[in-house]
Amino acid sequence: MSDEPRGPRPREAADAGGGRGPDESVEQLNAQVRQLALGQDRLRRLLDAVVAITADMETSAVLEHIVAAASDLLAVRYGALAVLGEGGEFVDLFTVGVDAERLRAESGLPQRHGLLGSLLTDRRPLRVDDVLADPRSVGYPAGHPVMTTLLGAPLTVRDTVYGTLYVADKEDGTPFSADDEALLAALASAASVSIENSRLYARLKRAAEQFQRRMLPVLPDLAPLRVQARYQPASELPRLGGDWYDAVVLPDGAVFVVVGDVTGHDVEAAPLMGQIRNMLRALAFDRCGPPGQVVDRLDRALGMYGETTAATLVMGRIERGADGGYALHWTNAGHPPPLLVTADGTAHSLAPAQHGIPIGVDPPCPAPTTPTRCLRRARWCCSPTA
């Protein structure tokens, strides 16, 4: 029997050397797998949130979704997204964990000072482990919950700040990490783009509507007849349309009225609409005659000038008879039929036996004229589109 001391068994050697045994290694590997799975789940949920943002939703719904996603992904008690107006003051607030309406009623919207003010000034994410101990903190307004930890990110696109996104107090009590900051910054970027797109869209829509309205005429006083027009965009899209209307007294005393629509809704349709409207007015004023003949002359004139865009219209000529009654002679070039509404409110669709085709179609086709007897207090109604 040897007197030399025996070496430690394999596990004892591992313990003596400061290593980990098989059980600990397996546990560590399992922990790493769980952490990886958690990270992948968080990434998937972040992607789901961003994809949902690109869906066809109102901006307010998008912002509510973003603050809810931030609160869920970061497992926090409180979340808020405050939106700046174009004047630089906060104009809207979306919250999780606190009633936004009650908070507004008790303390109003956020102000541009304190920690939120630093987000707007510094324009970079902010992590605070003790809110009240931070020298930038100015305390809480009435009705605001007390928070310990804070993570915030500004909503910026290029040089424009649109607001702030911030969360507070993780449910497990741990401070916010760099990974948390990166995730919140990603959601803040998505919110910023959503707000910017919404405002650009609103400006474009306003500009399109203003341009369209300026292309339409101011209707004259046609007493004893009354003429009214209402322009209401049928689409939420900011489009320049080819819709138009016009009314004018002709040299022989008859009243010329027209409603039309140039095909297309773009920068080409709007100016062409103006050309057709002015050309039709000149043709009707120059040589009084049945509406069908006037539209035929317009169609031929457009062909001579090389215009290939089609247009539909309803043109009417209202004449007063010796008995004081009115007769309406009208033609329809591929347009939705007008309505004749009698004094008792009954509406009659004026669908002619011979319906004309749109102008601008090659070869031109004659436009028929349809006579209609108008009773007193009757209304002739036309729409630019069906």
Foldseek 3Di string as FASTA:
>chain_A
DDPDDDDDDPVVVCVVVVHDDPVVVVVVVVVVVVVVVLVVVLVVLLVVLLVVLPDPDDLVVNVLSLQVSLCVSQQFQKKKWWWADPVGFTDDMHMHNADPVVCCVQFNGDGLFAPQVVQVVVQAKDKDQARVPDPRHPDDGPPDDDFGIKIKGFQDDVPDTTTMIMGTGHPVRDGDDPVSNVSSNVSSPSSNVSVVVVVVQVVLLVVLVVVQVVLADDADDLPVDDDDDDDDDPDSGSWNFLWYKYWDQAPVRKIKIKTKGWPDTHPVNSVVSSVLVVQLVCLCRVDPDAPLVSVLVSLVVCVVVPDQTWMWMKMWIWDADPVRWIKIKIWTACAQFKWKAAPVGDIDTPDDPDHHHTRNDPPHDGIDIDMDTHDPPIDIGDDHHD
